[in-house]
Amino acid sequence: MLLRASKRAAPRDVELVVACVPAPLLRILEMTGADQVLQVFDTVVKAEAELGSIFKRILPRAGMTRV
């Protein structure tokens, strides 16, 4: 499902990233190679640091908040 969402987002110049991935799911992402397609961050704070102000502008527009 994540890879499908990523493919649907790409033509819209949107990149899907994931953060706070539990270890068992991270292992599955690594085994399937999905971690090469999706950006995976340990924490939301690290995602914010990497993505900068773009991340902070998108969350409120999408009706989401940083936890």
PDB file of N, CA and C in Angstrom:
ATOM      1  N   MET A   1       0.808  -1.184   0.000  1.00  0.00           N
ATOM      2  CA  MET A   1       0.000   0.000   0.000  1.00  0.00           C
ATOM      3  C   MET A   1       0.871   1.276   0.000  1.00  0.00           C
ATOM      4  N   LEU A   2       1.961   1.271   0.758  1.00  0.00           N
ATOM      5  CA  LEU A   2       2.839   2.442   0.788  1.00  0.00           C
ATOM      6  C   LEU A   2       3.478   2.688  -0.573  1.00  0.00           C
ATOM      7  N   LEU A   3       3.900   1.626  -1.232  1.00  0.00           N
ATOM      8  CA  LEU A   3       4.525   1.785  -2.545  1.00  0.00           C
ATOM      9  C   LEU A   3       3.523   2.282  -3.572  1.00  0.00           C
ATOM     10  N   ARG A   4       2.296   1.800  -3.489  1.00  0.00           N
ATOM     11  CA  ARG A   4       1.249   2.272  -4.401  1.00  0.00           C
ATOM     12  C   ARG A   4       0.989   3.759  -4.169  1.00  0.00           C
ATOM     13  N   ALA A   5       0.918   4.152  -2.913  1.00  0.00           N
ATOM     14  CA  ALA A   5       0.712   5.565  -2.598  1.00  0.00           C
ATOM     15  C   ALA A   5       1.866   6.412  -3.105  1.00  0.00           C
ATOM     16  N   SER A   6       3.083   5.887  -2.979  1.00  0.00           N
ATOM     17  CA  SER A   6       4.251   6.610  -3.463  1.00  0.00           C
ATOM     18  C   SER A   6       4.198   6.787  -4.980  1.00  0.00           C
ATOM     19  N   LYS A   7       3.801   5.745  -5.690  1.00  0.00           N
ATOM     20  CA  LYS A   7       3.685   5.833  -7.150  1.00  0.00           C
ATOM     21  C   LYS A   7       2.610   6.828  -7.564  1.00  0.00           C
ATOM     22  N   ARG A   8       1.506   6.864  -6.828  1.00  0.00           N
ATOM     23  CA  ARG A   8       0.433   7.810  -7.146  1.00  0.00           C
ATOM     24  C   ARG A   8       0.837   9.240  -6.834  1.00  0.00           C
ATOM     25  N   ALA A   9       1.700   9.419  -5.852  1.00  0.00           N
ATOM     26  CA  ALA A   9       2.125  10.754  -5.457  1.00  0.00           C
ATOM     27  C   ALA A   9       3.155  11.334  -6.418  1.00  0.00           C
ATOM     28  N   ALA A  10       3.996  10.488  -6.985  1.00  0.00           N
ATOM     29  CA  ALA A  10       5.118  10.943  -7.820  1.00  0.00           C
ATOM     30  C   ALA A  10       4.711  11.867  -8.968  1.00  0.00           C
ATOM     31  N   PRO A  11       3.670  11.546  -9.761  1.00  0.00           N
ATOM     32  CA  PRO A  11       3.301  12.452 -10.859  1.00  0.00           C
ATOM     33  C   PRO A  11       2.826  13.824 -10.383  1.00  0.00           C
ATOM     34  N   ARG A  12       2.489  13.918  -9.124  1.00  0.00           N
ATOM     35  CA  ARG A  12       2.016  15.184  -8.545  1.00  0.00           C
ATOM     36  C   ARG A  12       3.158  15.934  -7.858  1.00  0.00           C
ATOM     37  N   ASP A  13       4.384  15.466  -8.082  1.00  0.00           N
ATOM     38  CA  ASP A  13       5.569  16.042  -7.437  1.00  0.00           C
ATOM     39  C   ASP A  13       5.469  16.013  -5.917  1.00  0.00           C
ATOM     40  N   VAL A  14       4.921  14.917  -5.407  1.00  0.00           N
ATOM     41  CA  VAL A  14       4.801  14.709  -3.969  1.00  0.00           C
ATOM     42  C   VAL A  14       5.618  13.476  -3.622  1.00  0.00           C
ATOM     43  N   GLU A  15       6.399  13.572  -2.565  1.00  0.00           N
ATOM     44  CA  GLU A  15       7.191  12.435  -2.131  1.00  0.00           C
ATOM     45  C   GLU A  15       6.649  11.909  -0.816  1.00  0.00           C
ATOM     46  N   LEU A  16       6.386  10.634  -0.769  1.00  0.00           N
ATOM     47  CA  LEU A  16       5.903  10.000   0.439  1.00  0.00           C
ATOM     48  C   LEU A  16       7.095   9.614   1.301  1.00  0.00           C
ATOM     49  N   VAL A  17       7.071  10.003   2.555  1.00  0.00           N
ATOM     50  CA  VAL A  17       8.115   9.622   3.501  1.00  0.00           C
ATOM     51  C   VAL A  17       7.445   9.008   4.719  1.00  0.00           C
ATOM     52  N   VAL A  18       8.180   8.177   5.427  1.00  0.00           N
ATOM     53  CA  VAL A  18       7.634   7.563   6.633  1.00  0.00           C
ATOM     54  C   VAL A  18       8.589   7.818   7.790  1.00  0.00           C
ATOM     55  N   ALA A  19       8.015   7.912   8.983  1.00  0.00           N
ATOM     56  CA  ALA A  19       8.812   8.148  10.184  1.00  0.00           C
ATOM     57  C   ALA A  19       8.262   7.291  11.314  1.00  0.00           C
ATOM     58  N   CYS A  20       9.105   7.020  12.278  1.00  0.00           N
ATOM     59  CA  CYS A  20       8.724   6.244  13.473  1.00  0.00           C
ATOM     60  C   CYS A  20       8.246   4.844  13.103  1.00  0.00           C
ATOM     61  N   VAL A  21       8.947   4.212  12.186  1.00  0.00           N
ATOM     62  CA  VAL A  21       8.559   2.884  11.712  1.00  0.00           C
ATOM     63  C   VAL A  21       8.988   1.831  12.735  1.00  0.00           C
ATOM     64  N   PRO A  22       8.042   1.002  13.190  1.00  0.00           N
ATOM     65  CA  PRO A  22       8.416  -0.064  14.130  1.00  0.00           C
ATOM     66  C   PRO A  22       9.425  -1.031  13.492  1.00  0.00           C
ATOM     67  N   ALA A  23      10.300  -1.584  14.303  1.00  0.00           N
ATOM     68  CA  ALA A  23      11.377  -2.453  13.810  1.00  0.00           C
ATOM     69  C   ALA A  23      10.896  -3.589  12.904  1.00  0.00           C
ATOM     70  N   PRO A  24       9.821  -4.307  13.265  1.00  0.00           N
ATOM     71  CA  PRO A  24       9.390  -5.397  12.370  1.00  0.00           C
ATOM     72  C   PRO A  24       8.971  -4.890  10.985  1.00  0.00           C
ATOM     73  N   LEU A  25       8.316  -3.748  10.931  1.00  0.00           N
ATOM     74  CA  LEU A  25       7.910  -3.187   9.642  1.00  0.00           C
ATOM     75  C   LEU A  25       9.126  -2.662   8.880  1.00  0.00           C
ATOM     76  N   LEU A  26      10.065  -2.064   9.584  1.00  0.00           N
ATOM     77  CA  LEU A  26      11.296  -1.588   8.939  1.00  0.00           C
ATOM     78  C   LEU A  26      12.033  -2.753   8.284  1.00  0.00           C
ATOM     79  N   ARG A  27      12.069  -3.877   8.952  1.00  0.00           N
ATOM     80  CA  ARG A  27      12.724  -5.075   8.394  1.00  0.00           C
ATOM     81  C   ARG A  27      12.024  -5.501   7.106  1.00  0.00           C
ATOM     82  N   ILE A  28      10.710  -5.461   7.071  1.00  0.00           N
ATOM     83  CA  ILE A  28       9.957  -5.811   5.861  1.00  0.00           C
ATOM     84  C   ILE A  28      10.267  -4.820   4.743  1.00  0.00           C
ATOM     85  N   LEU A  29      10.322  -3.533   5.082  1.00  0.00           N
ATOM     86  CA  LEU A  29      10.663  -2.527   4.074  1.00  0.00           C
ATOM     87  C   LEU A  29      12.048  -2.794   3.496  1.00  0.00           C
ATOM     88  N   GLU A  30      12.981  -3.185   4.355  1.00  0.00           N
ATOM     89  CA  GLU A  30      14.343  -3.488   3.895  1.00  0.00           C
ATOM     90  C   GLU A  30      14.378  -4.752   3.042  1.00  0.00           C
ATOM     91  N   MET A  31      13.670  -5.779   3.449  1.00  0.00           N
ATOM     92  CA  MET A  31      13.670  -7.052   2.717  1.00  0.00           C
ATOM     93  C   MET A  31      13.046  -6.912   1.328  1.00  0.00           C
ATOM     94  N   THR A  32      12.050  -6.054   1.213  1.00  0.00           N
ATOM     95  CA  THR A  32      11.360  -5.889  -0.065  1.00  0.00           C
ATOM     96  C   THR A  32      11.985  -4.809  -0.941  1.00  0.00           C
ATOM     97  N   GLY A  33      12.932  -4.051  -0.370  1.00  0.00           N
ATOM     98  CA  GLY A  33      13.550  -2.965  -1.119  1.00  0.00           C
ATOM     99  C   GLY A  33      12.742  -1.684  -1.089  1.00  0.00           C
ATOM    100  N   ALA A  34      11.642  -1.683  -0.348  1.00  0.00           N
ATOM    101  CA  ALA A  34      10.794  -0.495  -0.268  1.00  0.00           C
ATOM    102  C   ALA A  34      11.528   0.669   0.393  1.00  0.00           C
ATOM    103  N   ASP A  35      12.506   0.364   1.248  1.00  0.00           N
ATOM    104  CA  ASP A  35      13.276   1.428   1.888  1.00  0.00           C
ATOM    105  C   ASP A  35      14.146   2.169   0.884  1.00  0.00           C
ATOM    106  N   GLN A  36      14.311   1.607  -0.316  1.00  0.00           N
ATOM    107  CA  GLN A  36      15.051   2.289  -1.377  1.00  0.00           C
ATOM    108  C   GLN A  36      14.149   3.238  -2.161  1.00  0.00           C
ATOM    109  N   VAL A  37      12.846   3.029  -2.051  1.00  0.00           N
ATOM    110  CA  VAL A  37      11.862   3.853  -2.768  1.00  0.00           C
ATOM    111  C   VAL A  37      11.340   4.958  -1.862  1.00  0.00           C
ATOM    112  N   LEU A  38      11.109   4.633  -0.612  1.00  0.00           N
ATOM    113  CA  LEU A  38      10.572   5.579   0.373  1.00  0.00           C
ATOM    114  C   LEU A  38      11.708   6.116   1.241  1.00  0.00           C
ATOM    115  N   GLN A  39      11.600   7.371   1.619  1.00  0.00           N
ATOM    116  CA  GLN A  39      12.531   7.897   2.619  1.00  0.00           C
ATOM    117  C   GLN A  39      12.011   7.466   3.978  1.00  0.00           C
ATOM    118  N   VAL A  40      12.862   6.861   4.757  1.00  0.00           N
ATOM    119  CA  VAL A  40      12.477   6.364   6.072  1.00  0.00           C
ATOM    120  C   VAL A  40      13.287   7.113   7.124  1.00  0.00           C
ATOM    121  N   PHE A  41      12.584   7.686   8.088  1.00  0.00           N
ATOM    122  CA  PHE A  41      13.223   8.441   9.165  1.00  0.00           C
ATOM    123  C   PHE A  41      12.923   7.785  10.501  1.00  0.00           C
ATOM    124  N   ASP A  42      13.894   7.817  11.399  1.00  0.00           N
ATOM    125  CA  ASP A  42      13.702   7.250  12.734  1.00  0.00           C
ATOM    126  C   ASP A  42      12.629   7.998  13.518  1.00  0.00           C
ATOM    127  N   THR A  43      12.622   9.326  13.370  1.00  0.00           N
ATOM    128  CA  THR A  43      11.683  10.150  14.134  1.00  0.00           C
ATOM    129  C   THR A  43      11.113  11.251  13.242  1.00  0.00           C
ATOM    130  N   VAL A  44      10.024  11.830  13.687  1.00  0.00           N
ATOM    131  CA  VAL A  44       9.442  12.967  12.976  1.00  0.00           C
ATOM    132  C   VAL A  44      10.399  14.150  13.038  1.00  0.00           C
ATOM    133  N   VAL A  45      11.091  14.307  14.153  1.00  0.00           N
ATOM    134  CA  VAL A  45      12.054  15.401  14.306  1.00  0.00           C
ATOM    135  C   VAL A  45      13.156  15.285  13.252  1.00  0.00           C
ATOM    136  N   LYS A  46      13.655  14.072  13.013  1.00  0.00           N
ATOM    137  CA  LYS A  46      14.686  13.880  11.987  1.00  0.00           C
ATOM    138  C   LYS A  46      14.122  14.152  10.595  1.00  0.00           C
ATOM    139  N   ALA A  47      12.872  13.772  10.358  1.00  0.00           N
ATOM    140  CA  ALA A  47      12.239  14.061   9.065  1.00  0.00           C
ATOM    141  C   ALA A  47      12.132  15.563   8.869  1.00  0.00           C
ATOM    142  N   GLU A  48      11.702  16.277   9.904  1.00  0.00           N
ATOM    143  CA  GLU A  48      11.605  17.738   9.821  1.00  0.00           C
ATOM    144  C   GLU A  48      12.959  18.362   9.543  1.00  0.00           C
ATOM    145  N   ALA A  49      13.982  17.875  10.224  1.00  0.00           N
ATOM    146  CA  ALA A  49      15.316  18.430  10.042  1.00  0.00           C
ATOM    147  C   ALA A  49      15.801  18.220   8.607  1.00  0.00           C
ATOM    148  N   GLU A  50      15.525  17.059   8.055  1.00  0.00           N
ATOM    149  CA  GLU A  50      15.962  16.733   6.695  1.00  0.00           C
ATOM    150  C   GLU A  50      15.141  17.469   5.643  1.00  0.00           C
ATOM    151  N   LEU A  51      13.840  17.528   5.859  1.00  0.00           N
ATOM    152  CA  LEU A  51      12.951  18.107   4.852  1.00  0.00           C
ATOM    153  C   LEU A  51      12.758  19.600   5.028  1.00  0.00           C
ATOM    154  N   GLY A  52      13.108  20.110   6.164  1.00  0.00           N
ATOM    155  CA  GLY A  52      13.067  21.547   6.402  1.00  0.00           C
ATOM    156  C   GLY A  52      11.683  22.146   6.406  1.00  0.00           C
ATOM    157  N   SER A  53      11.611  23.376   5.944  1.00  0.00           N
ATOM    158  CA  SER A  53      10.373  24.148   6.038  1.00  0.00           C
ATOM    159  C   SER A  53       9.262  23.588   5.155  1.00  0.00           C
ATOM    160  N   ILE A  54       9.605  22.831   4.125  1.00  0.00           N
ATOM    161  CA  ILE A  54       8.562  22.247   3.275  1.00  0.00           C
ATOM    162  C   ILE A  54       7.666  21.361   4.109  1.00  0.00           C
ATOM    163  N   PHE A  55       8.263  20.536   4.952  1.00  0.00           N
ATOM    164  CA  PHE A  55       7.516  19.621   5.805  1.00  0.00           C
ATOM    165  C   PHE A  55       6.577  20.394   6.722  1.00  0.00           C
ATOM    166  N   LYS A  56       7.059  21.483   7.285  1.00  0.00           N
ATOM    167  CA  LYS A  56       6.253  22.260   8.226  1.00  0.00           C
ATOM    168  C   LYS A  56       5.089  22.959   7.534  1.00  0.00           C
ATOM    169  N   ARG A  57       5.223  23.282   6.243  1.00  0.00           N
ATOM    170  CA  ARG A  57       4.117  23.914   5.518  1.00  0.00           C
ATOM    171  C   ARG A  57       3.079  22.896   5.074  1.00  0.00           C
ATOM    172  N   ILE A  58       3.503  21.681   4.771  1.00  0.00           N
ATOM    173  CA  ILE A  58       2.587  20.671   4.242  1.00  0.00           C
ATOM    174  C   ILE A  58       1.683  20.097   5.319  1.00  0.00           C
ATOM    175  N   LEU A  59       2.207  19.812   6.493  1.00  0.00           N
ATOM    176  CA  LEU A  59       1.401  19.187   7.534  1.00  0.00           C
ATOM    177  C   LEU A  59       0.109  19.939   7.840  1.00  0.00           C
ATOM    178  N   PRO A  60       0.160  21.241   8.118  1.00  0.00           N
ATOM    179  CA  PRO A  60      -1.086  21.940   8.429  1.00  0.00           C
ATOM    180  C   PRO A  60      -2.076  21.928   7.251  1.00  0.00           C
ATOM    181  N   ARG A  61      -1.569  22.039   6.038  1.00  0.00           N
ATOM    182  CA  ARG A  61      -2.438  22.020   4.867  1.00  0.00           C
ATOM    183  C   ARG A  61      -3.143  20.685   4.728  1.00  0.00           C
ATOM    184  N   ALA A  62      -2.473  19.607   5.127  1.00  0.00           N
ATOM    185  CA  ALA A  62      -3.036  18.278   5.014  1.00  0.00           C
ATOM    186  C   ALA A  62      -3.912  17.940   6.218  1.00  0.00           C
ATOM    187  N   GLY A  63      -4.083  18.909   7.128  1.00  0.00           N
ATOM    188  CA  GLY A  63      -4.907  18.673   8.303  1.00  0.00           C
ATOM    189  C   GLY A  63      -4.202  17.839   9.356  1.00  0.00           C
ATOM    190  N   MET A  64      -2.870  17.791   9.298  1.00  0.00           N
ATOM    191  CA  MET A  64      -2.095  16.994  10.230  1.00  0.00           C
ATOM    192  C   MET A  64      -1.308  17.903  11.150  1.00  0.00           C
ATOM    193  N   THR A  65      -0.920  17.353  12.270  1.00  0.00           N
ATOM    194  CA  THR A  65      -0.075  18.098  13.186  1.00  0.00           C
ATOM    195  C   THR A  65       1.098  17.229  13.610  1.00  0.00           C
ATOM    196  N   ARG A  66       2.136  17.879  14.037  1.00  0.00           N
ATOM    197  CA  ARG A  66       3.308  17.155  14.543  1.00  0.00           C
ATOM    198  C   ARG A  66       3.001  16.686  15.950  1.00  0.00           C
ATOM    199  N   VAL A  67       3.295  15.453  16.232  1.00  0.00           N
ATOM    200  CA  VAL A  67       3.025  14.889  17.556  1.00  0.00           C
ATOM    201  C   VAL A  67       4.257  14.972  18.404  1.00  0.00           C
TER     202      VAL A  67
END
